[in-house]
Amino acid sequence: MSRLGALRTTYTAKGLPRYEREVTHGELSKYQLIRGTDANVVNARSHAKATEWDLAWAKRAAADARRQEREDAARDVEAKKANAVERTAEAVSAIESLQAI
């Protein structure tokens, strides 16, 4: 999840206010400092950036989950194939022993 820092106010040499807010996303290793002369614009841009990164993380997490499901399904198929080969060998052995009687 994205994390928004506190809205900080600084002043220029002429006394004009400047606003800034840090936006970070730990999972994506993203950081951005949003600056501007209007607090509302800085807030809106920082929330938009946080939403953008949260959506990107959700998309990546969904893709990772789909990939993991495919890998699990492939492992399951391989395990079932190995089991089938083993059971077939056992059945052939049983048939051969019955034919020898």
PDB file of N, CA and C in Angstrom:
ATOM      1  N   MET A   1       0.828  -1.184   0.000  1.00  0.00           N
ATOM      2  CA  MET A   1       0.000   0.000   0.000  1.00  0.00           C
ATOM      3  C   MET A   1       0.876   1.252   0.000  1.00  0.00           C
ATOM      4  N   SER A   2       0.368   2.238  -0.655  1.00  0.00           N
ATOM      5  CA  SER A   2       1.070   3.512  -0.683  1.00  0.00           C
ATOM      6  C   SER A   2       0.927   4.205   0.662  1.00  0.00           C
ATOM      7  N   ARG A   3       1.929   4.977   0.970  1.00  0.00           N
ATOM      8  CA  ARG A   3       1.903   5.739   2.208  1.00  0.00           C
ATOM      9  C   ARG A   3       2.118   7.207   1.860  1.00  0.00           C
ATOM     10  N   LEU A   4       1.252   8.051   2.407  1.00  0.00           N
ATOM     11  CA  LEU A   4       1.355   9.490   2.187  1.00  0.00           C
ATOM     12  C   LEU A   4       1.959  10.132   3.424  1.00  0.00           C
ATOM     13  N   GLY A   5       2.981  10.930   3.217  1.00  0.00           N
ATOM     14  CA  GLY A   5       3.560  11.675   4.326  1.00  0.00           C
ATOM     15  C   GLY A   5       2.690  12.877   4.652  1.00  0.00           C
ATOM     16  N   ALA A   6       3.073  13.569   5.691  1.00  0.00           N
ATOM     17  CA  ALA A   6       2.329  14.761   6.096  1.00  0.00           C
ATOM     18  C   ALA A   6       2.564  15.887   5.092  1.00  0.00           C
ATOM     19  N   LEU A   7       1.569  16.723   4.945  1.00  0.00           N
ATOM     20  CA  LEU A   7       1.690  17.895   4.088  1.00  0.00           C
ATOM     21  C   LEU A   7       2.544  18.918   4.836  1.00  0.00           C
ATOM     22  N   ARG A   8       3.683  19.274   4.245  1.00  0.00           N
ATOM     23  CA  ARG A   8       4.584  20.229   4.886  1.00  0.00           C
ATOM     24  C   ARG A   8       4.498  21.562   4.162  1.00  0.00           C
ATOM     25  N   THR A   9       4.626  22.610   4.941  1.00  0.00           N
ATOM     26  CA  THR A   9       4.598  23.961   4.383  1.00  0.00           C
ATOM     27  C   THR A   9       5.946  24.617   4.626  1.00  0.00           C
ATOM     28  N   THR A  10       6.505  25.182   3.581  1.00  0.00           N
ATOM     29  CA  THR A  10       7.721  25.978   3.689  1.00  0.00           C
ATOM     30  C   THR A  10       7.415  27.336   3.062  1.00  0.00           C
ATOM     31  N   TYR A  11       8.301  28.273   3.295  1.00  0.00           N
ATOM     32  CA  TYR A  11       8.078  29.616   2.763  1.00  0.00           C
ATOM     33  C   TYR A  11       9.298  30.069   1.978  1.00  0.00           C
ATOM     34  N   THR A  12       9.029  30.753   0.879  1.00  0.00           N
ATOM     35  CA  THR A  12      10.110  31.278   0.055  1.00  0.00           C
ATOM     36  C   THR A  12      10.711  32.507   0.748  1.00  0.00           C
ATOM     37  N   ALA A  13      11.767  33.042   0.167  1.00  0.00           N
ATOM     38  CA  ALA A  13      12.411  34.234   0.715  1.00  0.00           C
ATOM     39  C   ALA A  13      11.443  35.418   0.731  1.00  0.00           C
ATOM     40  N   LYS A  14      10.478  35.410  -0.186  1.00  0.00           N
ATOM     41  CA  LYS A  14       9.491  36.494  -0.250  1.00  0.00           C
ATOM     42  C   LYS A  14       8.283  36.216   0.635  1.00  0.00           C
ATOM     43  N   GLY A  15       8.296  35.079   1.331  1.00  0.00           N
ATOM     44  CA  GLY A  15       7.203  34.772   2.249  1.00  0.00           C
ATOM     45  C   GLY A  15       6.048  34.015   1.613  1.00  0.00           C
ATOM     46  N   LEU A  16       6.217  33.539   0.380  1.00  0.00           N
ATOM     47  CA  LEU A  16       5.149  32.792  -0.273  1.00  0.00           C
ATOM     48  C   LEU A  16       5.172  31.332   0.199  1.00  0.00           C
ATOM     49  N   PRO A  17       3.993  30.767   0.448  1.00  0.00           N
ATOM     50  CA  PRO A  17       3.969  29.377   0.937  1.00  0.00           C
ATOM     51  C   PRO A  17       4.223  28.377  -0.194  1.00  0.00           C
ATOM     52  N   ARG A  18       4.927  27.317   0.128  1.00  0.00           N
ATOM     53  CA  ARG A  18       5.158  26.183  -0.769  1.00  0.00           C
ATOM     54  C   ARG A  18       4.779  24.927   0.010  1.00  0.00           C
ATOM     55  N   TYR A  19       4.173  23.998  -0.691  1.00  0.00           N
ATOM     56  CA  TYR A  19       3.696  22.775  -0.037  1.00  0.00           C
ATOM     57  C   TYR A  19       4.374  21.564  -0.661  1.00  0.00           C
ATOM     58  N   GLU A  20       4.582  20.547   0.183  1.00  0.00           N
ATOM     59  CA  GLU A  20       5.169  19.304  -0.328  1.00  0.00           C
ATOM     60  C   GLU A  20       4.655  18.134   0.494  1.00  0.00           C
ATOM     61  N   ARG A  21       4.615  16.986  -0.174  1.00  0.00           N
ATOM     62  CA  ARG A  21       4.166  15.750   0.476  1.00  0.00           C
ATOM     63  C   ARG A  21       4.901  14.584  -0.162  1.00  0.00           C
ATOM     64  N   GLU A  22       5.402  13.673   0.682  1.00  0.00           N
ATOM     65  CA  GLU A  22       6.084  12.475   0.204  1.00  0.00           C
ATOM     66  C   GLU A  22       5.059  11.371  -0.025  1.00  0.00           C
ATOM     67  N   VAL A  23       5.262  10.640  -1.120  1.00  0.00           N
ATOM     68  CA  VAL A  23       4.437   9.467  -1.424  1.00  0.00           C
ATOM     69  C   VAL A  23       5.408   8.303  -1.611  1.00  0.00           C
ATOM     70  N   THR A  24       5.155   7.202  -0.896  1.00  0.00           N
ATOM     71  CA  THR A  24       6.021   6.028  -1.007  1.00  0.00           C
ATOM     72  C   THR A  24       5.168   4.776  -1.186  1.00  0.00           C
ATOM     73  N   HIS A  25       5.768   3.787  -1.813  1.00  0.00           N
ATOM     74  CA  HIS A  25       5.142   2.471  -1.950  1.00  0.00           C
ATOM     75  C   HIS A  25       6.243   1.445  -1.738  1.00  0.00           C
ATOM     76  N   GLY A  26       6.204   0.769  -0.597  1.00  0.00           N
ATOM     77  CA  GLY A  26       7.270  -0.146  -0.216  1.00  0.00           C
ATOM     78  C   GLY A  26       7.424  -1.336  -1.138  1.00  0.00           C
ATOM     79  N   GLU A  27       6.316  -1.967  -1.528  1.00  0.00           N
ATOM     80  CA  GLU A  27       6.386  -3.160  -2.365  1.00  0.00           C
ATOM     81  C   GLU A  27       6.938  -2.858  -3.753  1.00  0.00           C
ATOM     82  N   LEU A  28       6.612  -1.695  -4.275  1.00  0.00           N
ATOM     83  CA  LEU A  28       7.103  -1.309  -5.597  1.00  0.00           C
ATOM     84  C   LEU A  28       8.439  -0.572  -5.521  1.00  0.00           C
ATOM     85  N   SER A  29       8.895  -0.271  -4.302  1.00  0.00           N
ATOM     86  CA  SER A  29      10.121   0.508  -4.094  1.00  0.00           C
ATOM     87  C   SER A  29      10.046   1.833  -4.843  1.00  0.00           C
ATOM     88  N   LYS A  30       8.942   2.539  -4.648  1.00  0.00           N
ATOM     89  CA  LYS A  30       8.728   3.827  -5.314  1.00  0.00           C
ATOM     90  C   LYS A  30       8.709   4.941  -4.270  1.00  0.00           C
ATOM     91  N   TYR A  31       9.196   6.100  -4.682  1.00  0.00           N
ATOM     92  CA  TYR A  31       9.208   7.291  -3.850  1.00  0.00           C
ATOM     93  C   TYR A  31       9.059   8.504  -4.755  1.00  0.00           C
ATOM     94  N   GLN A  32       8.220   9.439  -4.310  1.00  0.00           N
ATOM     95  CA  GLN A  32       8.114  10.694  -5.049  1.00  0.00           C
ATOM     96  C   GLN A  32       7.751  11.800  -4.072  1.00  0.00           C
ATOM     97  N   LEU A  33       8.364  12.949  -4.282  1.00  0.00           N
ATOM     98  CA  LEU A  33       8.065  14.137  -3.498  1.00  0.00           C
ATOM     99  C   LEU A  33       7.236  15.058  -4.388  1.00  0.00           C
ATOM    100  N   ILE A  34       6.002  15.304  -3.973  1.00  0.00           N
ATOM    101  CA  ILE A  34       5.088  16.168  -4.733  1.00  0.00           C
ATOM    102  C   ILE A  34       5.190  17.569  -4.140  1.00  0.00           C
ATOM    103  N   ARG A  35       5.463  18.555  -4.989  1.00  0.00           N
ATOM    104  CA  ARG A  35       5.592  19.941  -4.542  1.00  0.00           C
ATOM    105  C   ARG A  35       4.667  20.841  -5.337  1.00  0.00           C
ATOM    106  N   GLY A  36       4.268  21.937  -4.714  1.00  0.00           N
ATOM    107  CA  GLY A  36       3.457  22.908  -5.426  1.00  0.00           C
ATOM    108  C   GLY A  36       3.154  24.125  -4.585  1.00  0.00           C
ATOM    109  N   THR A  37       2.488  25.086  -5.219  1.00  0.00           N
ATOM    110  CA  THR A  37       2.143  26.330  -4.529  1.00  0.00           C
ATOM    111  C   THR A  37       0.732  26.299  -3.965  1.00  0.00           C
ATOM    112  N   ASP A  38      -0.047  25.282  -4.297  1.00  0.00           N
ATOM    113  CA  ASP A  38      -1.426  25.155  -3.820  1.00  0.00           C
ATOM    114  C   ASP A  38      -1.566  23.838  -3.055  1.00  0.00           C
ATOM    115  N   ALA A  39      -1.969  23.921  -1.804  1.00  0.00           N
ATOM    116  CA  ALA A  39      -2.091  22.731  -0.955  1.00  0.00           C
ATOM    117  C   ALA A  39      -3.085  21.726  -1.537  1.00  0.00           C
ATOM    118  N   ASN A  40      -4.179  22.213  -2.103  1.00  0.00           N
ATOM    119  CA  ASN A  40      -5.185  21.307  -2.672  1.00  0.00           C
ATOM    120  C   ASN A  40      -4.637  20.539  -3.867  1.00  0.00           C
ATOM    121  N   VAL A  41      -3.833  21.199  -4.685  1.00  0.00           N
ATOM    122  CA  VAL A  41      -3.233  20.551  -5.850  1.00  0.00           C
ATOM    123  C   VAL A  41      -2.217  19.501  -5.391  1.00  0.00           C
ATOM    124  N   VAL A  42      -1.418  19.837  -4.408  1.00  0.00           N
ATOM    125  CA  VAL A  42      -0.431  18.887  -3.886  1.00  0.00           C
ATOM    126  C   VAL A  42      -1.151  17.665  -3.309  1.00  0.00           C
ATOM    127  N   ASN A  43      -2.221  17.881  -2.556  1.00  0.00           N
ATOM    128  CA  ASN A  43      -2.996  16.761  -2.006  1.00  0.00           C
ATOM    129  C   ASN A  43      -3.589  15.905  -3.114  1.00  0.00           C
ATOM    130  N   ALA A  44      -4.183  16.543  -4.106  1.00  0.00           N
ATOM    131  CA  ALA A  44      -4.818  15.801  -5.202  1.00  0.00           C
ATOM    132  C   ALA A  44      -3.782  14.997  -5.978  1.00  0.00           C
ATOM    133  N   ARG A  45      -2.645  15.608  -6.297  1.00  0.00           N
ATOM    134  CA  ARG A  45      -1.596  14.900  -7.042  1.00  0.00           C
ATOM    135  C   ARG A  45      -1.010  13.747  -6.234  1.00  0.00           C
ATOM    136  N   SER A  46      -0.826  13.944  -4.930  1.00  0.00           N
ATOM    137  CA  SER A  46      -0.260  12.869  -4.109  1.00  0.00           C
ATOM    138  C   SER A  46      -1.248  11.714  -3.969  1.00  0.00           C
ATOM    139  N   HIS A  47      -2.520  12.005  -3.821  1.00  0.00           N
ATOM    140  CA  HIS A  47      -3.526  10.933  -3.759  1.00  0.00           C
ATOM    141  C   HIS A  47      -3.628  10.209  -5.103  1.00  0.00           C
ATOM    142  N   ALA A  48      -3.536  10.945  -6.187  1.00  0.00           N
ATOM    143  CA  ALA A  48      -3.582  10.320  -7.512  1.00  0.00           C
ATOM    144  C   ALA A  48      -2.381   9.399  -7.716  1.00  0.00           C
ATOM    145  N   LYS A  49      -1.207   9.839  -7.291  1.00  0.00           N
ATOM    146  CA  LYS A  49       0.001   9.015  -7.429  1.00  0.00           C
ATOM    147  C   LYS A  49      -0.117   7.766  -6.568  1.00  0.00           C
ATOM    148  N   ALA A  50      -0.624   7.898  -5.352  1.00  0.00           N
ATOM    149  CA  ALA A  50      -0.796   6.743  -4.463  1.00  0.00           C
ATOM    150  C   ALA A  50      -1.779   5.748  -5.072  1.00  0.00           C
ATOM    151  N   THR A  51      -2.857   6.248  -5.643  1.00  0.00           N
ATOM    152  CA  THR A  51      -3.844   5.371  -6.287  1.00  0.00           C
ATOM    153  C   THR A  51      -3.226   4.666  -7.489  1.00  0.00           C
ATOM    154  N   GLU A  52      -2.456   5.385  -8.280  1.00  0.00           N
ATOM    155  CA  GLU A  52      -1.788   4.798  -9.445  1.00  0.00           C
ATOM    156  C   GLU A  52      -0.877   3.647  -9.019  1.00  0.00           C
ATOM    157  N   TRP A  53      -0.080   3.878  -7.981  1.00  0.00           N
ATOM    158  CA  TRP A  53       0.840   2.840  -7.513  1.00  0.00           C
ATOM    159  C   TRP A  53       0.099   1.659  -6.883  1.00  0.00           C
ATOM    160  N   ASP A  54      -0.991   1.937  -6.165  1.00  0.00           N
ATOM    161  CA  ASP A  54      -1.779   0.845  -5.580  1.00  0.00           C
ATOM    162  C   ASP A  54      -2.385  -0.031  -6.666  1.00  0.00           C
ATOM    163  N   LEU A  55      -2.871   0.590  -7.739  1.00  0.00           N
ATOM    164  CA  LEU A  55      -3.425  -0.182  -8.854  1.00  0.00           C
ATOM    165  C   LEU A  55      -2.340  -0.998  -9.544  1.00  0.00           C
ATOM    166  N   ALA A  56      -1.158  -0.410  -9.707  1.00  0.00           N
ATOM    167  CA  ALA A  56      -0.048  -1.138 -10.328  1.00  0.00           C
ATOM    168  C   ALA A  56       0.340  -2.337  -9.465  1.00  0.00           C
ATOM    169  N   TRP A  57       0.341  -2.159  -8.140  1.00  0.00           N
ATOM    170  CA  TRP A  57       0.683  -3.271  -7.247  1.00  0.00           C
ATOM    171  C   TRP A  57      -0.391  -4.357  -7.312  1.00  0.00           C
ATOM    172  N   ALA A  58      -1.659  -3.959  -7.350  1.00  0.00           N
ATOM    173  CA  ALA A  58      -2.746  -4.938  -7.433  1.00  0.00           C
ATOM    174  C   ALA A  58      -2.635  -5.741  -8.728  1.00  0.00           C
ATOM    175  N   LYS A  59      -2.298  -5.069  -9.816  1.00  0.00           N
ATOM    176  CA  LYS A  59      -2.142  -5.749 -11.099  1.00  0.00           C
ATOM    177  C   LYS A  59      -0.979  -6.740 -11.045  1.00  0.00           C
ATOM    178  N   ARG A  60       0.131  -6.311 -10.467  1.00  0.00           N
ATOM    179  CA  ARG A  60       1.301  -7.195 -10.352  1.00  0.00           C
ATOM    180  C   ARG A  60       0.986  -8.385  -9.437  1.00  0.00           C
ATOM    181  N   ALA A  61       0.308  -8.140  -8.334  1.00  0.00           N
ATOM    182  CA  ALA A  61      -0.033  -9.212  -7.401  1.00  0.00           C
ATOM    183  C   ALA A  61      -0.981 -10.216  -8.060  1.00  0.00           C
ATOM    184  N   ALA A  62      -1.939  -9.724  -8.859  1.00  0.00           N
ATOM    185  CA  ALA A  62      -2.862 -10.623  -9.557  1.00  0.00           C
ATOM    186  C   ALA A  62      -2.114 -11.471 -10.584  1.00  0.00           C
ATOM    187  N   ALA A  63      -1.178 -10.868 -11.288  1.00  0.00           N
ATOM    188  CA  ALA A  63      -0.387 -11.613 -12.272  1.00  0.00           C
ATOM    189  C   ALA A  63       0.467 -12.668 -11.575  1.00  0.00           C
ATOM    190  N   ASP A  64       1.049 -12.318 -10.438  1.00  0.00           N
ATOM    191  CA  ASP A  64       1.843 -13.287  -9.676  1.00  0.00           C
ATOM    192  C   ASP A  64       0.970 -14.442  -9.191  1.00  0.00           C
ATOM    193  N   ALA A  65      -0.250 -14.127  -8.758  1.00  0.00           N
ATOM    194  CA  ALA A  65      -1.166 -15.174  -8.293  1.00  0.00           C
ATOM    195  C   ALA A  65      -1.550 -16.111  -9.437  1.00  0.00           C
ATOM    196  N   ARG A  66      -1.822 -15.542 -10.615  1.00  0.00           N
ATOM    197  CA  ARG A  66      -2.153 -16.374 -11.781  1.00  0.00           C
ATOM    198  C   ARG A  66      -0.965 -17.261 -12.164  1.00  0.00           C
ATOM    199  N   ARG A  67       0.247 -16.710 -12.145  1.00  0.00           N
ATOM    200  CA  ARG A  67       1.439 -17.485 -12.462  1.00  0.00           C
ATOM    201  C   ARG A  67       1.627 -18.620 -11.453  1.00  0.00           C
ATOM    202  N   GLN A  68       1.406 -18.325 -10.174  1.00  0.00           N
ATOM    203  CA  GLN A  68       1.543 -19.343  -9.144  1.00  0.00           C
ATOM    204  C   GLN A  68       0.507 -20.452  -9.332  1.00  0.00           C
ATOM    205  N   GLU A  69      -0.716 -20.083  -9.696  1.00  0.00           N
ATOM    206  CA  GLU A  69      -1.763 -21.085  -9.947  1.00  0.00           C
ATOM    207  C   GLU A  69      -1.379 -21.987 -11.117  1.00  0.00           C
ATOM    208  N   ARG A  70      -0.830 -21.393 -12.176  1.00  0.00           N
ATOM    209  CA  ARG A  70      -0.393 -22.191 -13.326  1.00  0.00           C
ATOM    210  C   ARG A  70       0.732 -23.142 -12.936  1.00  0.00           C
ATOM    211  N   GLU A  71       1.688 -22.653 -12.151  1.00  0.00           N
ATOM    212  CA  GLU A  71       2.790 -23.513 -11.713  1.00  0.00           C
ATOM    213  C   GLU A  71       2.278 -24.648 -10.823  1.00  0.00           C
ATOM    214  N   ASP A  72       1.340 -24.339  -9.928  1.00  0.00           N
ATOM    215  CA  ASP A  72       0.771 -25.369  -9.059  1.00  0.00           C
ATOM    216  C   ASP A  72       0.017 -26.412  -9.882  1.00  0.00           C
ATOM    217  N   ALA A  73      -0.729 -25.952 -10.878  1.00  0.00           N
ATOM    218  CA  ALA A  73      -1.474 -26.877 -11.735  1.00  0.00           C
ATOM    219  C   ALA A  73      -0.513 -27.765 -12.520  1.00  0.00           C
ATOM    220  N   ALA A  74       0.583 -27.203 -13.012  1.00  0.00           N
ATOM    221  CA  ALA A  74       1.570 -27.988 -13.765  1.00  0.00           C
ATOM    222  C   ALA A  74       2.225 -29.031 -12.862  1.00  0.00           C
ATOM    223  N   ARG A  75       2.555 -28.655 -11.618  1.00  0.00           N
ATOM    224  CA  ARG A  75       3.120 -29.618 -10.672  1.00  0.00           C
ATOM    225  C   ARG A  75       2.125 -30.725 -10.358  1.00  0.00           C
ATOM    226  N   ASP A  76       0.851 -30.375 -10.239  1.00  0.00           N
ATOM    227  CA  ASP A  76      -0.193 -31.364  -9.957  1.00  0.00           C
ATOM    228  C   ASP A  76      -0.310 -32.353 -11.115  1.00  0.00           C
ATOM    229  N   VAL A  77      -0.267 -31.853 -12.351  1.00  0.00           N
ATOM    230  CA  VAL A  77      -0.335 -32.728 -13.526  1.00  0.00           C
ATOM    231  C   VAL A  77       0.857 -33.674 -13.542  1.00  0.00           C
ATOM    232  N   GLU A  78       2.041 -33.159 -13.270  1.00  0.00           N
ATOM    233  CA  GLU A  78       3.239 -34.002 -13.252  1.00  0.00           C
ATOM    234  C   GLU A  78       3.143 -35.067 -12.162  1.00  0.00           C
ATOM    235  N   ALA A  79       2.633 -34.701 -10.998  1.00  0.00           N
ATOM    236  CA  ALA A  79       2.479 -35.669  -9.908  1.00  0.00           C
ATOM    237  C   ALA A  79       1.476 -36.750 -10.294  1.00  0.00           C
ATOM    238  N   LYS A  80       0.394 -36.341 -10.955  1.00  0.00           N
ATOM    239  CA  LYS A  80      -0.614 -37.319 -11.379  1.00  0.00           C
ATOM    240  C   LYS A  80      -0.043 -38.253 -12.446  1.00  0.00           C
ATOM    241  N   LYS A  81       0.778 -37.712 -13.350  1.00  0.00           N
ATOM    242  CA  LYS A  81       1.403 -38.550 -14.377  1.00  0.00           C
ATOM    243  C   LYS A  81       2.343 -39.569 -13.732  1.00  0.00           C
ATOM    244  N   ALA A  82       3.135 -39.132 -12.774  1.00  0.00           N
ATOM    245  CA  ALA A  82       4.054 -40.041 -12.086  1.00  0.00           C
ATOM    246  C   ALA A  82       3.283 -41.124 -11.348  1.00  0.00           C
ATOM    247  N   ASN A  83       2.190 -40.748 -10.719  1.00  0.00           N
ATOM    248  CA  ASN A  83       1.344 -41.715 -10.014  1.00  0.00           C
ATOM    249  C   ASN A  83       0.749 -42.717 -11.001  1.00  0.00           C
ATOM    250  N   ALA A  84       0.311 -42.230 -12.157  1.00  0.00           N
ATOM    251  CA  ALA A  84      -0.276 -43.115 -13.169  1.00  0.00           C
ATOM    252  C   ALA A  84       0.758 -44.116 -13.683  1.00  0.00           C
ATOM    253  N   VAL A  85       1.981 -43.652 -13.915  1.00  0.00           N
ATOM    254  CA  VAL A  85       3.041 -44.554 -14.376  1.00  0.00           C
ATOM    255  C   VAL A  85       3.313 -45.623 -13.325  1.00  0.00           C
ATOM    256  N   GLU A  86       3.379 -45.228 -12.073  1.00  0.00           N
ATOM    257  CA  GLU A  86       3.629 -46.173 -10.980  1.00  0.00           C
ATOM    258  C   GLU A  86       2.498 -47.200 -10.853  1.00  0.00           C
ATOM    259  N   ARG A  87       1.267 -46.727 -10.919  1.00  0.00           N
ATOM    260  CA  ARG A  87       0.119 -47.646 -10.806  1.00  0.00           C
ATOM    261  C   ARG A  87       0.042 -48.584 -12.010  1.00  0.00           C
ATOM    262  N   THR A  88       0.407 -48.060 -13.190  1.00  0.00           N
ATOM    263  CA  THR A  88       0.412 -48.909 -14.387  1.00  0.00           C
ATOM    264  C   THR A  88       1.448 -50.016 -14.232  1.00  0.00           C
ATOM    265  N   ALA A  89       2.630 -49.666 -13.737  1.00  0.00           N
ATOM    266  CA  ALA A  89       3.677 -50.676 -13.522  1.00  0.00           C
ATOM    267  C   ALA A  89       3.214 -51.731 -12.520  1.00  0.00           C
ATOM    268  N   GLU A  90       2.535 -51.299 -11.475  1.00  0.00           N
ATOM    269  CA  GLU A  90       2.012 -52.250 -10.488  1.00  0.00           C
ATOM    270  C   GLU A  90       0.961 -53.164 -11.114  1.00  0.00           C
ATOM    271  N   ALA A  91       0.094 -52.592 -11.943  1.00  0.00           N
ATOM    272  CA  ALA A  91      -0.958 -53.387 -12.584  1.00  0.00           C
ATOM    273  C   ALA A  91      -0.343 -54.403 -13.551  1.00  0.00           C
ATOM    274  N   VAL A  92       0.649 -53.971 -14.318  1.00  0.00           N
ATOM    275  CA  VAL A  92       1.310 -54.885 -15.255  1.00  0.00           C
ATOM    276  C   VAL A  92       1.973 -56.013 -14.478  1.00  0.00           C
ATOM    277  N   SER A  93       2.608 -55.696 -13.368  1.00  0.00           N
ATOM    278  CA  SER A  93       3.258 -56.712 -12.538  1.00  0.00           C
ATOM    279  C   SER A  93       2.227 -57.695 -11.991  1.00  0.00           C
ATOM    280  N   ALA A  94       1.088 -57.187 -11.564  1.00  0.00           N
ATOM    281  CA  ALA A  94       0.035 -58.060 -11.032  1.00  0.00           C
ATOM    282  C   ALA A  94      -0.524 -58.961 -12.128  1.00  0.00           C
ATOM    283  N   ILE A  95      -0.714 -58.411 -13.315  1.00  0.00           N
ATOM    284  CA  ILE A  95      -1.229 -59.220 -14.442  1.00  0.00           C
ATOM    285  C   ILE A  95      -0.233 -60.320 -14.803  1.00  0.00           C
ATOM    286  N   GLU A  96       1.048 -59.973 -14.845  1.00  0.00           N
ATOM    287  CA  GLU A  96       2.081 -60.969 -15.166  1.00  0.00           C
ATOM    288  C   GLU A  96       2.134 -62.081 -14.124  1.00  0.00           C
ATOM    289  N   SER A  97       1.973 -61.727 -12.846  1.00  0.00           N
ATOM    290  CA  SER A  97       2.013 -62.755 -11.810  1.00  0.00           C
ATOM    291  C   SER A  97       0.775 -63.654 -11.880  1.00  0.00           C
ATOM    292  N   LEU A  98      -0.355 -63.084 -12.279  1.00  0.00           N
ATOM    293  CA  LEU A  98      -1.570 -63.881 -12.415  1.00  0.00           C
ATOM    294  C   LEU A  98      -1.482 -64.801 -13.639  1.00  0.00           C
ATOM    295  N   GLN A  99      -0.832 -64.346 -14.707  1.00  0.00           N
ATOM    296  CA  GLN A  99      -0.684 -65.161 -15.910  1.00  0.00           C
ATOM    297  C   GLN A  99       0.288 -66.325 -15.691  1.00  0.00           C
ATOM    298  N   ALA A 100       1.188 -66.134 -14.734  1.00  0.00           N
ATOM    299  CA  ALA A 100       2.166 -67.182 -14.451  1.00  0.00           C
ATOM    300  C   ALA A 100       1.556 -68.338 -13.653  1.00  0.00           C
ATOM    301  N   ILE A 101       0.375 -68.147 -13.116  1.00  0.00           N
ATOM    302  CA  ILE A 101      -0.264 -69.195 -12.305  1.00  0.00           C
ATOM    303  C   ILE A 101      -0.741 -70.334 -13.196  1.00  0.00           C
TER     304      ILE A 101
END
